[in-house]
C-alpha atoms as a PDB file:
ATOM      1  CA  MET A   1     186.652  37.912 126.111  1.00  0.00           C
ATOM      2  CA  PRO A   2     187.016  34.214 124.992  1.00  0.00           C
ATOM      3  CA  ALA A   3     190.697  32.373 125.800  1.00  0.00           C
ATOM      4  CA  LEU A   4     190.801  31.561 121.960  1.00  0.00           C
ATOM      5  CA  GLN A   5     190.995  35.302 121.408  1.00  0.00           C
ATOM      6  CA  ILE A   6     193.512  36.267 124.028  1.00  0.00           C
ATOM      7  CA  THR A   7     195.746  33.513 122.770  1.00  0.00           C
ATOM      8  CA  THR A   8     195.730  34.886 119.069  1.00  0.00           C
ATOM      9  CA  SER A   9     195.933  38.474 120.109  1.00  0.00           C
ATOM     10  CA  LEU A  10     198.871  37.957 122.483  1.00  0.00           C
ATOM     11  CA  ILE A  11     200.519  35.590 119.714  1.00  0.00           C
ATOM     12  CA  GLY A  12     200.307  38.583 117.474  1.00  0.00           C
ATOM     13  CA  LEU A  13     201.336  41.169 119.592  1.00  0.00           C
ATOM     14  CA  GLY A  14     204.364  38.885 120.389  1.00  0.00           C
ATOM     15  CA  LEU A  15     205.326  38.660 117.035  1.00  0.00           C
ATOM     16  CA  ALA A  16     205.169  42.032 116.461  1.00  0.00           C
ATOM     17  CA  ALA A  17     207.281  42.869 119.304  1.00  0.00           C
ATOM     18  CA  LEU A  18     209.793  40.038 118.209  1.00  0.00           C
ATOM     19  CA  ILE A  19     210.069  41.352 114.840  1.00  0.00           C
ATOM     20  CA  LEU A  20     210.676  44.973 116.465  1.00  0.00           C
ATOM     21  CA  VAL A  21     213.462  43.363 118.293  1.00  0.00           C
ATOM     22  CA  LEU A  22     214.936  42.144 115.270  1.00  0.00           C
ATOM     23  CA  LEU A  23     214.735  45.448 113.325  1.00  0.00           C
ATOM     24  CA  ARG A  24     216.240  47.148 116.052  1.00  0.00           C
ATOM     25  CA  ARG A  25     219.050  44.734 116.077  1.00  0.00           C
ATOM     26  CA  ASP A  26     219.206  45.146 112.984  1.00  0.00           C
ATOM     27  CA  HIS A  27     218.646  41.041 111.819  1.00  0.00           C
ATOM     28  CA  LEU A  28     216.003  42.022 109.773  1.00  0.00           C
ATOM     29  CA  TYR A  29     215.686  44.273 106.834  1.00  0.00           C
ATOM     30  CA  ILE A  30     213.572  47.039 107.232  1.00  0.00           C
ATOM     31  CA  HIS A  31     211.383  46.584 103.883  1.00  0.00           C
ATOM     32  CA  HIS A  32     210.811  42.859 105.279  1.00  0.00           C
ATOM     33  CA  GLY A  33     210.460  44.054 108.880  1.00  0.00           C
ATOM     34  CA  LEU A  34     207.336  46.525 107.874  1.00  0.00           C
ATOM     35  CA  PHE A  35     205.647  43.550 105.886  1.00  0.00           C
ATOM     36  CA  TRP A  36     205.860  40.977 109.153  1.00  0.00           C
ATOM     37  CA  ILE A  37     204.481  43.978 111.154  1.00  0.00           C
ATOM     38  CA  VAL A  38     201.814  44.559 108.958  1.00  0.00           C
ATOM     39  CA  VAL A  39     200.916  40.240 109.100  1.00  0.00           C
ATOM     40  CA  ALA A  40     201.376  40.614 113.155  1.00  0.00           C
ATOM     41  CA  ALA A  41     198.907  43.848 113.264  1.00  0.00           C
ATOM     42  CA  LEU A  42     196.713  41.538 111.276  1.00  0.00           C
ATOM     43  CA  GLY A  43     196.719  38.762 113.377  1.00  0.00           C
ATOM     44  CA  ALA A  44     196.246  40.953 116.698  1.00  0.00           C
ATOM     45  CA  LEU A  45     193.470  42.606 115.146  1.00  0.00           C
ATOM     46  CA  LEU A  46     191.490  39.554 114.016  1.00  0.00           C
ATOM     47  CA  GLY A  47     192.276  37.817 117.515  1.00  0.00           C
ATOM     48  CA  LEU A  48     190.736  40.949 119.005  1.00  0.00           C
ATOM     49  CA  TRP A  49     187.977  41.093 116.694  1.00  0.00           C
ATOM     50  CA  PRO A  50     187.060  37.800 115.525  1.00  0.00           C
ATOM     51  CA  GLY A  51     183.875  38.885 113.659  1.00  0.00           C
ATOM     52  CA  LEU A  52     185.986  40.781 111.745  1.00  0.00           C
ATOM     53  CA  ILE A  53     186.825  38.082 109.253  1.00  0.00           C
ATOM     54  CA  ASP A  54     183.315  37.183 108.783  1.00  0.00           C
ATOM     55  CA  ARG A  55     182.314  40.752 107.735  1.00  0.00           C
ATOM     56  CA  VAL A  56     185.344  40.729 105.312  1.00  0.00           C
ATOM     57  CA  ALA A  57     184.286  37.433 103.506  1.00  0.00           C
ATOM     58  CA  GLN A  58     180.543  38.648 103.389  1.00  0.00           C
ATOM     59  CA  LEU A  59     181.670  41.544 101.467  1.00  0.00           C
ATOM     60  CA  VAL A  60     183.586  39.760  99.789  1.00  0.00           C
ATOM     61  CA  GLY A  61     181.039  37.055  98.700  1.00  0.00           C
ATOM     62  CA  ILE A  62     182.607  33.964 100.257  1.00  0.00           C
ATOM     63  CA  SER A  63     180.295  32.040 102.311  1.00  0.00           C
ATOM     64  CA  TYR A  64     182.706  30.218 104.711  1.00  0.00           C
ATOM     65  CA  ALA A  65     184.914  32.475 106.834  1.00  0.00           C
ATOM     66  CA  PRO A  66     187.768  30.268 107.679  1.00  0.00           C
ATOM     67  CA  ALA A  67     188.256  29.808 104.186  1.00  0.00           C
ATOM     68  CA  ALA A  68     188.587  33.632 103.118  1.00  0.00           C
ATOM     69  CA  LEU A  69     191.154  33.800 105.789  1.00  0.00           C
ATOM     70  CA  LEU A  70     193.689  31.263 104.304  1.00  0.00           C
ATOM     71  CA  LEU A  71     192.848  32.138 101.179  1.00  0.00           C
ATOM     72  CA  GLY A  72     194.051  35.352 101.803  1.00  0.00           C
ATOM     73  CA  ALA A  73     196.927  33.959 103.890  1.00  0.00           C
ATOM     74  CA  VAL A  74     197.941  32.125 100.550  1.00  0.00           C
ATOM     75  CA  VAL A  75     197.834  34.976  98.583  1.00  0.00           C
ATOM     76  CA  VAL A  76     199.861  36.892 100.666  1.00  0.00           C
ATOM     77  CA  LEU A  77     202.378  34.086 101.408  1.00  0.00           C
ATOM     78  CA  PHE A  78     202.457  33.404  97.638  1.00  0.00           C
ATOM     79  CA  ILE A  79     203.070  37.295  97.015  1.00  0.00           C
ATOM     80  CA  LYS A  80     206.079  37.167  99.709  1.00  0.00           C
ATOM     81  CA  ALA A  81     207.526  34.401  97.869  1.00  0.00           C
ATOM     82  CA  LEU A  82     206.891  35.952  94.436  1.00  0.00           C
ATOM     83  CA  TYR A  83     208.977  39.362  95.598  1.00  0.00           C
ATOM     84  CA  ALA A  84     211.982  36.949  97.588  1.00  0.00           C
ATOM     85  CA  ASP A  85     212.330  34.969  93.875  1.00  0.00           C
ATOM     86  CA  MET A  86     212.619  38.691  92.357  1.00  0.00           C
ATOM     87  CA  MET A  87     215.318  39.944  95.050  1.00  0.00           C
ATOM     88  CA  GLN A  88     217.313  36.694  94.767  1.00  0.00           C
ATOM     89  CA  THR A  89     217.355  37.113  90.781  1.00  0.00           C
ATOM     90  CA  ARG A  90     218.579  40.844  91.607  1.00  0.00           C
ATOM     91  CA  LEU A  91     221.305  39.777  94.213  1.00  0.00           C
ATOM     92  CA  GLU A  92     222.453  36.674  91.448  1.00  0.00           C
ATOM     93  CA  ARG A  93     222.825  38.867  88.823  1.00  0.00           C
ATOM     94  CA  GLN A  94     225.088  41.627  90.715  1.00  0.00           C
ATOM     95  CA  LEU A  95     227.072  39.029  92.099  1.00  0.00           C
ATOM     96  CA  ARG A  96     227.732  37.443  88.619  1.00  0.00           C
ATOM     97  CA  ARG A  97     228.607  40.931  87.150  1.00  0.00           C
ATOM     98  CA  LEU A  98     230.835  41.521  90.458  1.00  0.00           C
ATOM     99  CA  ASN A  99     232.613  38.325  89.589  1.00  0.00           C
ATOM    100  CA  GLN A 100     233.341  39.059  86.091  1.00  0.00           C
ATOM    101  CA  ARG A 101     234.513  42.312  86.773  1.00  0.00           C
ATOM    102  CA  VAL A 102     236.761  40.858  89.998  1.00  0.00           C
ATOM    103  CA  ALA A 103     238.418  38.211  87.138  1.00  0.00           C
ATOM    104  CA  MET A 104     239.208  40.738  84.496  1.00  0.00           C
ATOM    105  CA  LEU A 105     241.161  42.918  86.763  1.00  0.00           C
ATOM    106  CA  GLU A 106     242.943  39.768  87.898  1.00  0.00           C
ATOM    107  CA  LEU A 107     243.557  38.516  84.698  1.00  0.00           C
ATOM    108  CA  GLY A 108     245.036  41.977  83.636  1.00  0.00           C
ATOM    109  CA  ASN A 109     242.578  42.742  80.992  1.00  0.00           C
ATOM    110  CA  VAL A 110     241.393  45.792  82.766  1.00  0.00           C
ATOM    111  CA  ARG A 111     243.058  48.712  83.906  1.00  0.00           C
ATOM    112  CA  PRO A 112     241.360  50.494  86.845  1.00  0.00           C
ATOM    113  CA  GLY A 113     240.217  53.921  87.382  1.00  0.00           C
ATOM    114  CA  PRO A 114     242.075  56.815  88.911  1.00  0.00           C
ATOM    115  CA  GLU A 115     240.572  56.551  91.895  1.00  0.00           C
ATOM    116  CA  ALA A 116     239.670  53.227  94.437  1.00  0.00           C
ATOM    117  CA  GLY A 117     236.157  52.062  93.198  1.00  0.00           C
ATOM    118  CA  ALA A 118     235.858  53.693  90.366  1.00  0.00           C
ATOM    119  CA  SER A 119     235.238  51.440  86.944  1.00  0.00           C
ATOM    120  CA  ALA A 120     237.650  49.743  84.957  1.00  0.00           C
ATOM    121  CA  VAL A 121     238.562  50.991  81.632  1.00  0.00           C
ATOM    122  CA  PRO A 122     239.407  48.022  79.119  1.00  0.00           C
ATOM    123  CA  SER A 123     242.330  48.421  76.774  1.00  0.00           C
ATOM    124  CA  ASP A 124     243.471  47.150  73.794  1.00  0.00           C
ATOM    125  CA  ASP A 125     246.327  45.464  72.616  1.00  0.00           C
ATOM    126  CA  ASN A 126     248.760  49.359  72.108  1.00  0.00           C
ATOM    127  CA  ASN A 127     247.550  50.057  75.904  1.00  0.00           C
ATOM    128  CA  ARG A 128     245.334  52.800  74.795  1.00  0.00           C
ATOM    129  CA  PRO A 129     242.167  52.893  76.964  1.00  0.00           C
ATOM    130  CA  HIS A 130     238.912  52.579  75.035  1.00  0.00           C
ATOM    131  CA  GLN A 131     236.291  55.008  75.109  1.00  0.00           C
ATOM    132  CA  ALA A 132     234.019  54.812  77.723  1.00  0.00           C
ATOM    133  CA  ASP A 133     230.851  53.592  76.435  1.00  0.00           C
ATOM    134  CA  PRO A 134     227.866  56.852  76.728  1.00  0.00           C
ATOM    135  CA  MET A 135     225.251  54.573  77.377  1.00  0.00           C
ATOM    136  CA  ARG A 136     226.352  52.496  80.509  1.00  0.00           C
END
């Protein structure tokens, strides 16, 4: 086995071990960890069987195998970045809504519900609660 195969295999296996440690210590969210485990496994697989990328490139119709590897890496990273942006947008939207609710509670425009953590019910000028919106 050539030194390059050993090196790339060890890098893939080392990355997989690092990801498992981060998951175990709760430093990495499980969904993100699964993605990186798959990436590390593919790296180790390509390190152990370097001819595999040649076969995959030939099946896809790419004549230069390293170009197929780079194209695959770019596509995977593009998808990962898009997914991260989607999650960031969702978190920002939730944070904005939470900040709005807290601001409404601080201003006294909203009366808290009967139990802790219940959704707030807005009140009108006569201190009568409005009907809850059934569509929410």
